[in-house]
Amino acid sequence: MKVLSQFSAKAAMDGDGVNIRRVADFVTTKFDPFLMIDEIKSDDEQDFIGGFPAHPHRGMETFTYIRKGGFEHRDQMGNVKAIRAGDVQWMSTGFGVVHSEMPLADAVDGLHGFQIWVNMPAKDKLRPATYQDTAGSASVEVTNDTGASLKALAGDWGFKDQPLISATIQGLAGEAAIADLSLAPNAEATLDLSQHEFVALYLYQGDLSKGEDSQWSYHQGEFLVLDSQSVIKFKADERGAGMLLFAGKPIREKIVQMGPFVMNTQAEIQQAIRDYQEGRFGYIA
């Protein structure tokens, strides 16, 4: 695989004292159509017990994927859902969403999950909000002969010479697609993602070989922007590896971001703040 850019996740805190690792770019938009990847991974509940009390969003999409533990989601649209291990959730916030995400009381074995922000094009930033999740339904997954498994979380993928289509989550902004690729010890995987303009990965477990020289140079917590037109080959060492894969079509619009709002101008940001303060986003019942 050919790596175009390499970024390292940084320790951060969000919500009510939740410790996370974050990769974000709201300035150069090198991740376009993606904006941010937050990872929560801890067996100590003090790192996440405060959760994310009610807060707003406008002009972007949130995509949540849980690998261990879980959250209860509530929003002003009336959705109340437990999002557990293996589940994904997608909100296209549009004009505005108010939601909360609080740890489930029965999730006692720690928490590992991700929230990914996807930009929305200007023409869609004020459309009505929509919500989807996969709670209670299994994601589409295929495993090759070496022990590499690809789980389609959103959008369409190809693996082991067969198409994988997410059964529930389709229609993300920027034609975004997201998958979870797990490599058993010494497993290998080859992907042709040349149909996508943007391709990247976030390595959440293990190391990856840089190439034929077998030097292990890409490590846990790194976000790699890849050349989508080159065949992408992965090889894990004896510990195995896990990564999220990202693909999409850049939106190529200037953005202005302030906290949970992602718009195209400063005036639109100020309008979002006024609309939220005046209750136009609605309230969680």
Protein backbone atom coordinates (compact mmCIF):
# COMPACT_ATOMS: atom_id res chain seq x y z
CA MET A 1 0.00 0.00 0.00
CA LYS A 2 1.09 3.57 -0.64
CA VAL A 3 0.68 5.95 2.29
CA LEU A 4 0.10 9.59 1.32
CA SER A 5 -0.22 11.08 4.81
CA GLN A 6 0.24 9.82 8.36
CA PHE A 7 -1.34 11.23 11.54
CA SER A 8 -1.26 10.14 15.18
CA ALA A 9 -4.28 10.20 17.48
CA LYS A 10 -3.93 12.61 20.40
CA ALA A 11 -5.24 12.21 23.94
CA ALA A 12 -8.26 14.44 24.55
CA MET A 13 -11.30 14.79 26.80
CA ASP A 14 -14.91 15.40 25.80
CA GLY A 15 -18.42 15.11 27.21
CA ASP A 16 -18.48 14.85 30.99
CA GLY A 17 -14.80 13.97 31.45
CA VAL A 18 -14.62 11.12 28.90
CA ASN A 19 -11.03 10.25 27.93
CA ILE A 20 -10.62 9.70 24.21
CA ARG A 21 -8.03 9.53 21.45
CA ARG A 22 -8.77 11.89 18.58
CA VAL A 23 -7.69 12.47 14.98
CA ALA A 24 -9.30 15.59 13.50
CA ASP A 25 -8.83 18.03 10.64
CA PHE A 26 -11.24 20.96 10.33
CA VAL A 27 -8.73 23.24 8.59
CA THR A 28 -6.91 21.56 5.71
CA THR A 29 -9.71 18.98 5.14
CA LYS A 30 -7.19 16.29 4.26
CA PHE A 31 -9.72 13.67 5.43
CA ASP A 32 -12.55 15.03 3.27
CA PRO A 33 -15.39 13.93 3.46
CA PHE A 34 -14.42 12.80 6.99
CA LEU A 35 -13.70 15.34 9.72
CA MET A 36 -12.85 13.51 12.93
CA ILE A 37 -12.36 10.07 14.47
CA ASP A 38 -12.73 9.68 18.24
CA GLU A 39 -11.79 6.39 19.91
CA ILE A 40 -12.87 5.45 23.44
CA LYS A 41 -11.00 2.42 24.77
CA SER A 42 -10.74 1.67 28.46
CA ASP A 43 -11.53 -1.00 31.06
CA ASP A 44 -11.66 1.68 33.76
CA GLU A 45 -15.17 3.11 34.00
CA GLN A 46 -13.80 6.36 35.39
CA ASP A 47 -12.55 7.08 31.87
CA PHE A 48 -16.08 7.10 30.41
CA ILE A 49 -18.73 6.90 33.17
CA GLY A 50 -19.68 10.60 32.75
CA GLY A 51 -20.76 9.94 29.18
CA PHE A 52 -22.01 12.64 26.86
CA PRO A 53 -24.96 14.56 28.36
CA ALA A 54 -27.41 16.36 26.07
CA HIS A 55 -25.67 18.47 23.41
CA PRO A 56 -26.47 19.78 19.88
CA HIS A 57 -25.12 19.23 16.37
CA ARG A 58 -25.73 20.88 13.01
CA GLY A 59 -24.32 20.49 9.50
CA MET A 60 -22.55 17.12 9.84
CA GLU A 61 -23.16 13.42 10.36
CA THR A 62 -22.19 11.31 13.35
CA PHE A 63 -21.41 7.63 12.92
CA THR A 64 -20.96 5.56 16.09
CA TYR A 65 -19.55 2.02 16.19
CA ILE A 66 -19.26 -0.02 19.39
CA ARG A 67 -16.87 -2.97 19.74
CA LYS A 68 -17.24 -3.52 23.51
CA GLY A 69 -19.67 -2.20 26.12
CA GLY A 70 -22.39 0.20 25.05
CA PHE A 71 -24.26 3.51 25.27
CA GLU A 72 -27.88 4.52 25.56
CA HIS A 73 -28.75 7.10 22.90
CA ARG A 74 -31.59 9.64 23.31
CA ASP A 75 -32.52 12.48 20.97
CA GLN A 76 -35.19 15.12 20.35
CA MET A 77 -36.67 13.01 17.53
CA GLY A 78 -37.83 10.51 20.14
CA ASN A 79 -35.21 7.85 19.52
CA VAL A 80 -34.15 5.92 22.63
CA LYS A 81 -31.80 3.04 21.77
CA ALA A 82 -29.21 0.87 23.48
CA ILE A 83 -26.18 0.68 21.16
CA ARG A 84 -24.13 -2.40 22.11
CA ALA A 85 -21.08 -4.32 20.89
CA GLY A 86 -21.29 -4.85 17.14
CA ASP A 87 -23.91 -2.12 16.63
CA VAL A 88 -23.55 1.02 14.55
CA GLN A 89 -25.60 4.21 14.60
CA TRP A 90 -25.81 7.04 12.08
CA MET A 91 -27.33 10.48 12.46
CA SER A 92 -27.47 12.94 9.58
CA THR A 93 -27.94 16.00 11.76
CA GLY A 94 -28.86 18.52 9.07
CA PHE A 95 -30.75 21.48 10.59
CA GLY A 96 -30.15 20.25 14.11
CA VAL A 97 -30.07 17.40 16.60
CA VAL A 98 -29.97 17.37 20.38
CA HIS A 99 -28.87 14.02 21.78
CA SER A 100 -27.16 12.31 24.71
CA GLU A 101 -25.01 9.18 24.87
CA MET A 102 -24.64 7.64 28.32
CA PRO A 103 -22.88 4.37 29.28
CA LEU A 104 -25.21 1.40 29.78
CA ALA A 105 -25.48 0.27 33.39
CA ASP A 106 -25.11 -3.39 32.39
CA ALA A 107 -21.95 -2.79 30.31
CA VAL A 108 -19.50 -3.64 33.07
CA ASP A 109 -16.51 -4.98 31.10
CA GLY A 110 -15.15 -1.70 29.79
CA LEU A 111 -15.85 0.27 26.65
CA HIS A 112 -14.34 0.33 23.18
CA GLY A 113 -16.02 2.37 20.51
CA PHE A 114 -15.68 5.10 17.92
CA GLN A 115 -17.53 8.22 16.86
CA ILE A 116 -16.78 9.45 13.37
CA TRP A 117 -17.83 12.82 11.97
CA VAL A 118 -18.65 13.12 8.27
CA ASN A 119 -19.10 16.51 6.62
CA MET A 120 -22.31 17.36 4.76
CA PRO A 121 -22.42 19.41 1.54
CA ALA A 122 -23.77 22.94 1.90
CA LYS A 123 -26.97 22.08 0.04
CA ASP A 124 -27.89 19.49 2.70
CA LYS A 125 -26.76 21.16 5.92
CA LEU A 126 -30.24 22.48 6.78
CA ARG A 127 -32.36 19.53 5.71
CA PRO A 128 -34.34 17.61 8.39
CA ALA A 129 -32.34 15.29 10.63
CA THR A 130 -32.47 11.51 10.10
CA TYR A 131 -31.51 8.56 12.29
CA GLN A 132 -30.60 4.90 11.67
CA ASP A 133 -29.03 2.09 13.69
CA THR A 134 -28.34 -1.63 13.37
CA ALA A 135 -29.34 -2.61 16.92
CA GLY A 136 -30.47 -6.24 16.88
CA SER A 137 -29.18 -7.03 13.37
CA ALA A 138 -25.80 -8.46 12.38
CA SER A 139 -23.36 -6.65 10.10
CA VAL A 140 -22.31 -8.28 6.84
CA GLU A 141 -18.91 -9.98 7.31
CA VAL A 142 -16.56 -12.12 5.20
CA THR A 143 -13.36 -13.95 6.28
CA ASN A 144 -10.56 -15.03 3.93
CA ASP A 145 -8.34 -18.12 4.13
CA THR A 146 -5.60 -16.41 6.19
CA GLY A 147 -7.90 -15.17 8.95
CA ALA A 148 -8.66 -11.64 7.76
CA SER A 149 -12.29 -10.59 8.35
CA LEU A 150 -13.97 -7.54 6.84
CA LYS A 151 -17.21 -6.25 8.38
CA ALA A 152 -19.18 -3.76 6.28
CA LEU A 153 -20.45 -1.08 8.68
CA ALA A 154 -21.68 1.45 6.12
CA GLY A 155 -21.75 1.64 2.35
CA ASP A 156 -20.52 -0.92 -0.17
CA TRP A 157 -17.26 -2.89 -0.10
CA GLY A 158 -15.56 -5.67 -2.02
CA PHE A 159 -13.52 -8.40 -0.32
CA LYS A 160 -12.44 -11.91 -1.27
CA ASP A 161 -13.78 -11.30 -4.80
CA GLN A 162 -17.32 -10.67 -3.62
CA PRO A 163 -19.37 -7.54 -2.86
CA LEU A 164 -20.30 -6.66 0.72
CA ILE A 165 -23.18 -4.27 1.15
CA SER A 166 -24.13 -2.88 4.54
CA ALA A 167 -27.70 -4.11 5.02
CA THR A 168 -28.84 -1.07 7.02
CA ILE A 169 -26.53 1.93 6.82
CA GLN A 170 -26.50 3.51 3.36
CA GLY A 171 -26.51 7.05 2.02
CA LEU A 172 -23.82 8.76 4.08
CA ALA A 173 -22.71 12.18 2.87
CA GLY A 174 -19.73 12.19 0.53
CA GLU A 175 -20.56 8.62 -0.51
CA ALA A 176 -18.78 7.63 2.70
CA ALA A 177 -18.20 3.97 3.47
CA ILE A 178 -16.81 2.50 6.70
CA ALA A 179 -15.63 -1.04 7.49
CA ASP A 180 -13.89 -2.93 10.31
CA LEU A 181 -10.99 -5.13 9.14
CA SER A 182 -9.63 -7.64 11.68
CA LEU A 183 -6.44 -9.58 10.98
CA ALA A 184 -5.64 -12.76 12.92
CA PRO A 185 -1.93 -13.32 13.76
CA ASN A 186 0.09 -13.26 10.52
CA ALA A 187 -3.06 -12.83 8.43
CA GLU A 188 -3.01 -10.97 5.12
CA ALA A 189 -5.61 -9.06 3.15
CA THR A 190 -5.67 -7.43 -0.27
CA LEU A 191 -8.24 -4.78 -1.23
CA ASP A 192 -8.92 -2.99 -4.49
CA LEU A 193 -10.57 0.30 -3.54
CA SER A 194 -9.82 2.13 -6.78
CA GLN A 195 -13.51 2.99 -7.23
CA HIS A 196 -13.12 5.45 -4.35
CA GLU A 197 -11.34 8.80 -4.56
CA PHE A 198 -10.48 8.93 -0.83
CA VAL A 199 -9.28 5.94 1.21
CA ALA A 200 -7.81 5.86 4.71
CA LEU A 201 -7.47 3.63 7.75
CA TYR A 202 -7.29 4.02 11.51
CA LEU A 203 -5.23 1.31 13.24
CA TYR A 204 -6.82 0.51 16.61
CA GLN A 205 -4.91 -2.70 17.36
CA GLY A 206 -1.50 -4.11 16.51
CA ASP A 207 1.02 -3.14 13.83
CA LEU A 208 1.11 -3.31 10.03
CA SER A 209 3.99 -4.16 7.74
CA LYS A 210 5.13 -1.27 5.59
CA GLY A 211 5.94 -3.52 2.64
CA GLU A 212 8.02 -6.37 1.36
CA ASP A 213 10.91 -5.48 3.65
CA SER A 214 8.64 -6.55 6.59
CA GLN A 215 9.62 -3.57 8.71
CA TRP A 216 6.78 -2.96 11.19
CA SER A 217 6.37 0.77 10.96
CA TYR A 218 2.65 1.55 11.35
CA HIS A 219 1.31 1.32 14.85
CA GLN A 220 -1.82 1.46 16.96
CA GLY A 221 -3.39 4.91 17.07
CA GLU A 222 -2.22 6.02 13.62
CA PHE A 223 -4.47 7.33 10.85
CA LEU A 224 -3.14 6.71 7.34
CA VAL A 225 -4.41 8.37 4.16
CA LEU A 226 -3.79 5.89 1.33
CA ASP A 227 -3.43 6.05 -2.44
CA SER A 228 -6.75 4.57 -3.51
CA GLN A 229 -5.43 3.78 -6.99
CA SER A 230 -2.77 1.40 -5.67
CA VAL A 231 -3.60 -2.15 -4.61
CA ILE A 232 -3.81 -2.13 -0.83
CA LYS A 233 -2.16 -5.04 0.95
CA PHE A 234 -2.16 -5.57 4.70
CA LYS A 235 -0.09 -8.00 6.76
CA ALA A 236 -0.25 -8.41 10.54
CA ASP A 237 2.49 -9.70 12.80
CA GLU A 238 2.13 -12.51 15.35
CA ARG A 239 -0.17 -10.32 17.50
CA GLY A 240 -2.74 -9.67 14.79
CA ALA A 241 -4.23 -6.26 13.97
CA GLY A 242 -7.49 -4.37 13.71
CA MET A 243 -8.38 -1.23 11.79
CA LEU A 244 -11.26 0.87 10.58
CA LEU A 245 -11.31 1.50 6.84
CA PHE A 246 -12.69 4.73 5.37
CA ALA A 247 -13.64 5.51 1.78
CA GLY A 248 -15.54 8.32 0.12
CA LYS A 249 -15.72 11.21 -2.30
CA PRO A 250 -14.35 14.59 -1.14
CA ILE A 251 -16.96 17.35 -0.88
CA ARG A 252 -14.40 20.10 -1.52
CA GLU A 253 -16.14 22.95 0.26
CA LYS A 254 -14.73 25.44 2.72
CA ILE A 255 -15.90 24.68 6.25
CA VAL A 256 -16.17 26.67 9.45
CA GLN A 257 -16.38 24.63 12.65
CA MET A 258 -17.23 25.67 16.18
CA GLY A 259 -17.70 22.88 18.69
CA PRO A 260 -20.58 20.66 17.51
CA PHE A 261 -21.48 22.85 14.51
CA VAL A 262 -19.91 22.45 11.05
CA MET A 263 -21.05 25.00 8.47
CA ASN A 264 -19.60 26.92 5.52
CA THR A 265 -19.43 30.49 6.89
CA GLN A 266 -19.01 32.21 10.23
CA ALA A 267 -22.46 33.78 9.81
CA GLU A 268 -23.99 30.30 9.54
CA ILE A 269 -22.20 29.26 12.74
CA GLN A 270 -23.65 32.26 14.59
CA GLN A 271 -27.12 31.40 13.24
CA ALA A 272 -26.72 27.81 14.47
CA ILE A 273 -25.87 29.07 17.96
CA ARG A 274 -28.92 31.37 17.97
CA ASP A 275 -31.24 28.64 16.71
CA TYR A 276 -30.04 26.25 19.40
CA GLN A 277 -30.27 28.83 22.19
CA GLU A 278 -33.80 29.74 21.08
CA GLY A 279 -34.93 26.11 21.18
CA ARG A 280 -35.35 25.59 17.44
CA PHE A 281 -33.45 22.27 17.57
CA GLY A 282 -36.08 20.85 19.93
CA TYR A 283 -35.62 19.12 23.28
CA ILE A 284 -35.09 15.58 24.56
CA ALA A 285 -38.34 14.44 26.17
